[in-house]
Amino acid sequence: MIAHVTGRVAGKSAASCVIEVGGIGLRLFMSTTALSHLPADGDDVTVFTFLHVREDELTLFGFESLEEQELFEKLITVSGVGPKVALSALSALTPADLVGAIVREDDMLIATVPGIGKKTAQRMIIELKDRVGAGELGSRSASKGSAGAEAAAALAAMGFSTAEVAVALKGYEGAAEVQAMLRHALKRLGGGA
C-alpha cells in the first residue's frame, strides 16, 4: 500500500490533482476541501493516500490528513458506499461533521450528500457508529453526542433546517451541555459569531 506521496503539485482539476514524484505524474482523486488546501502548482506537498485496487483499475485517492484518510477507509467498508461516494461525503462534510452526524444518528444530514440516500445514510450509522464513536475520530463528538442531538432537535423544533442546524452547531468547543450548545448555535444563527 502507498501510505503517502511527497512531490510537486503539477496540476489540479475539480476532482483530482497530479503530483509529480521522481518524474512520474500521479493522479490523486481528492475531496474538494482537500484540493482547495493544496499549495500552488510547482510547490511541494505531502498527501496521504489510499490505493483502491479493482480487477480492471488502480485508483489513487489523496487526503490532507490522516483523520480524513481513516474515515474514508471506514466509509468504504459500508455496503453501498464505494470510493466515489465516500469522497463525495468528505467533499460535502468535514470529517468532524460527518463523524458527528454518525454519532448523533443524523441520517437527514448524511442523506444531503450527493449519492447517499436515506437508506444508505442509516446503514452508515448502523455500521459505523461504534467504530467512529469509540475511536479517536469520534471521541470528542461522542462525548457531546446526546447533548448535540438534543440541541439539534430543539433547533429543528424552532424551525431551522437540518443544514442550518449543522452549520450553527459546527465549531462548538464548550462542555457537552444542551443550553450552552443552544446559546452558541443561536448566536451563530443570529449573526453574533
Protein backbone atom coordinates (compact mmCIF):
# COMPACT_ATOMS: atom_id res chain seq x y z
CA MET A 1 0.00 0.00 0.00
CA ILE A 2 1.14 3.54 -0.73
CA ALA A 3 0.89 5.44 2.59
CA HIS A 4 1.70 8.91 1.30
CA VAL A 5 3.13 10.78 -1.65
CA THR A 6 5.56 13.68 -1.46
CA GLY A 7 6.23 15.65 -4.59
CA ARG A 8 5.49 18.75 -6.64
CA VAL A 9 1.94 19.83 -7.47
CA ALA A 10 1.81 19.56 -11.27
CA GLY A 11 -1.85 20.44 -11.76
CA LYS A 12 -5.36 20.44 -10.30
CA SER A 13 -8.86 19.84 -11.61
CA ALA A 14 -12.26 19.85 -9.94
CA ALA A 15 -11.89 16.29 -8.63
CA SER A 16 -8.19 15.44 -8.72
CA CYS A 17 -4.64 16.67 -8.77
CA VAL A 18 -1.40 15.47 -10.30
CA ILE A 19 1.63 15.16 -8.02
CA GLU A 20 4.97 14.72 -9.78
CA VAL A 21 7.21 12.28 -7.93
CA GLY A 22 10.60 11.49 -9.48
CA GLY A 23 9.48 12.46 -12.96
CA ILE A 24 6.24 10.46 -12.76
CA GLY A 25 2.88 12.24 -12.52
CA LEU A 26 0.47 10.51 -10.13
CA ARG A 27 -3.23 11.43 -10.39
CA LEU A 28 -4.89 11.51 -6.96
CA PHE A 29 -8.64 11.89 -6.56
CA MET A 30 -9.38 14.11 -3.57
CA SER A 31 -12.24 15.80 -1.75
CA THR A 32 -12.96 19.36 -2.85
CA THR A 33 -11.87 20.58 0.60
CA ALA A 34 -8.51 18.82 0.40
CA LEU A 35 -7.99 20.10 -3.16
CA SER A 36 -8.68 23.67 -2.06
CA HIS A 37 -5.98 23.36 0.63
CA LEU A 38 -3.27 22.19 -1.76
CA PRO A 39 -0.44 24.63 -2.40
CA ALA A 40 0.00 26.33 -5.78
CA ASP A 41 1.28 24.46 -8.85
CA GLY A 42 5.03 23.93 -8.60
CA ASP A 43 5.08 23.80 -4.78
CA ASP A 44 5.99 20.68 -2.80
CA VAL A 45 3.33 18.82 -0.88
CA THR A 46 2.82 15.60 1.08
CA VAL A 47 -0.53 13.88 0.59
CA PHE A 48 -1.77 10.81 2.49
CA THR A 49 -3.07 8.17 0.09
CA PHE A 50 -5.22 5.10 -0.33
CA LEU A 51 -4.75 2.78 -3.32
CA HIS A 52 -8.05 1.27 -4.46
CA VAL A 53 -7.47 -1.92 -6.43
CA ARG A 54 -10.08 -3.35 -8.77
CA GLU A 55 -9.74 -6.07 -11.36
CA ASP A 56 -9.51 -3.56 -14.21
CA GLU A 57 -8.27 -0.41 -12.47
CA LEU A 58 -5.88 1.05 -9.89
CA THR A 59 -7.08 4.36 -8.42
CA LEU A 60 -5.13 6.52 -6.00
CA PHE A 61 -7.08 8.68 -3.56
CA GLY A 62 -5.43 11.55 -1.67
CA PHE A 63 -6.16 13.14 1.70
CA GLU A 64 -4.88 16.19 3.52
CA SER A 65 -4.89 14.48 6.93
CA LEU A 66 -4.70 11.02 8.46
CA GLU A 67 -8.11 11.68 10.02
CA GLU A 68 -9.66 12.15 6.57
CA GLN A 69 -7.89 9.03 5.25
CA GLU A 70 -9.01 6.84 8.17
CA LEU A 71 -12.61 7.99 7.83
CA PHE A 72 -12.53 7.31 4.07
CA GLU A 73 -11.29 3.76 4.74
CA LYS A 74 -14.12 3.19 7.23
CA LEU A 75 -16.73 4.64 4.87
CA ILE A 76 -15.85 2.29 2.02
CA THR A 77 -16.47 -0.73 4.27
CA VAL A 78 -20.17 0.18 4.36
CA SER A 79 -22.29 -1.78 1.90
CA GLY A 80 -23.32 0.51 -0.95
CA VAL A 81 -20.59 3.10 -0.28
CA GLY A 82 -17.77 2.98 -2.79
CA PRO A 83 -14.74 5.25 -3.03
CA LYS A 84 -16.50 7.89 -5.14
CA VAL A 85 -19.43 8.16 -2.72
CA ALA A 86 -17.03 8.26 0.25
CA LEU A 87 -15.11 11.08 -1.44
CA SER A 88 -18.39 12.87 -2.12
CA ALA A 89 -19.22 12.63 1.61
CA LEU A 90 -15.83 14.10 2.51
CA SER A 91 -16.39 16.90 -0.01
CA ALA A 92 -19.82 17.76 1.41
CA LEU A 93 -18.94 17.45 5.12
CA THR A 94 -15.72 17.79 7.09
CA PRO A 95 -14.52 14.59 8.79
CA ALA A 96 -15.57 16.03 12.18
CA ASP A 97 -19.05 16.94 10.89
CA LEU A 98 -19.51 13.54 9.27
CA VAL A 99 -18.41 11.70 12.42
CA GLY A 100 -20.67 13.95 14.49
CA ALA A 101 -23.63 13.15 12.22
CA ILE A 102 -22.93 9.41 12.52
CA VAL A 103 -22.62 9.59 16.31
CA ARG A 104 -25.79 11.73 16.61
CA GLU A 105 -27.57 9.36 14.18
CA ASP A 106 -28.39 12.35 11.95
CA ASP A 107 -29.36 10.43 8.82
CA MET A 108 -31.02 13.55 7.36
CA LEU A 109 -27.70 15.44 7.28
CA ILE A 110 -25.81 12.44 5.86
CA ALA A 111 -28.52 11.98 3.20
CA THR A 112 -27.81 15.52 1.90
CA VAL A 113 -24.54 14.17 0.45
CA PRO A 114 -24.82 13.55 -3.32
CA GLY A 115 -25.01 9.79 -3.96
CA ILE A 116 -26.25 8.93 -0.46
CA GLY A 117 -29.92 8.29 0.13
CA LYS A 118 -31.75 7.85 3.43
CA LYS A 119 -31.28 4.05 3.49
CA THR A 120 -27.54 4.30 2.84
CA ALA A 121 -27.25 7.03 5.49
CA GLN A 122 -28.99 4.78 8.01
CA ARG A 123 -26.73 1.86 7.04
CA MET A 124 -23.67 4.09 7.55
CA ILE A 125 -24.89 4.99 11.03
CA ILE A 126 -25.59 1.35 11.96
CA GLU A 127 -22.26 0.05 10.63
CA LEU A 128 -20.01 2.91 11.74
CA LYS A 129 -21.44 4.40 14.93
CA ASP A 130 -19.49 2.13 17.27
CA ARG A 131 -16.35 2.27 15.11
CA VAL A 132 -16.10 6.04 14.91
CA GLY A 133 -17.74 6.87 18.24
CA ALA A 134 -15.19 4.97 20.30
CA GLY A 135 -12.05 5.80 18.31
CA GLU A 136 -10.03 8.99 18.14
CA LEU A 137 -12.08 10.22 15.20
CA GLY A 138 -15.26 10.39 17.19
CA SER A 139 -14.16 10.67 20.80
CA ARG A 140 -14.96 14.37 21.07
CA SER A 141 -18.18 14.07 19.10
CA ALA A 142 -19.25 11.05 21.13
CA SER A 143 -18.89 12.94 24.41
CA LYS A 144 -21.17 15.62 23.01
CA GLY A 145 -23.41 13.17 21.13
CA SER A 146 -26.58 13.15 23.23
CA ALA A 147 -26.34 16.85 24.15
CA GLY A 148 -25.72 17.66 20.49
CA ALA A 149 -28.71 15.57 19.43
CA GLU A 150 -30.92 17.37 21.99
CA ALA A 151 -29.66 20.77 20.86
CA ALA A 152 -30.20 19.84 17.21
CA ALA A 153 -33.74 18.64 17.97
CA ALA A 154 -34.51 21.88 19.83
CA LEU A 155 -33.23 23.99 16.92
CA ALA A 156 -35.26 21.91 14.46
CA ALA A 157 -38.35 22.47 16.63
CA MET A 158 -37.67 26.22 16.34
CA GLY A 159 -37.99 25.86 12.57
CA PHE A 160 -34.34 25.76 11.50
CA SER A 161 -33.43 23.43 8.62
CA THR A 162 -31.03 20.49 9.06
CA ALA A 163 -28.33 22.36 7.14
CA GLU A 164 -28.77 25.48 9.30
CA VAL A 165 -28.58 23.35 12.46
CA ALA A 166 -25.38 21.65 11.27
CA VAL A 167 -23.72 24.98 10.48
CA ALA A 168 -24.90 26.54 13.75
CA LEU A 169 -23.51 23.74 15.93
CA LYS A 170 -20.27 23.49 13.97
CA GLY A 171 -17.20 24.63 15.86
CA TYR A 172 -18.74 24.37 19.34
CA GLU A 173 -15.84 23.92 21.79
CA GLY A 174 -17.52 24.04 25.22
CA ALA A 175 -18.88 21.42 27.58
CA ALA A 176 -21.46 18.89 26.45
CA GLU A 177 -24.39 20.89 27.83
CA VAL A 178 -27.55 21.43 25.82
CA GLN A 179 -28.10 25.03 26.99
CA ALA A 180 -24.53 26.08 26.17
CA MET A 181 -24.77 24.45 22.73
CA LEU A 182 -28.07 26.22 22.07
CA ARG A 183 -26.62 29.61 23.08
CA HIS A 184 -23.68 29.01 20.71
CA ALA A 185 -25.96 27.93 17.86
CA LEU A 186 -28.44 30.79 18.29
CA LYS A 187 -25.59 33.31 18.41
CA ARG A 188 -24.27 31.93 15.10
CA LEU A 189 -27.72 31.81 13.52
CA GLY A 190 -28.33 35.39 14.61
CA GLY A 191 -25.02 36.52 13.12
CA GLY A 192 -23.45 37.18 16.50
CA ALA A 193 -20.40 34.94 15.92
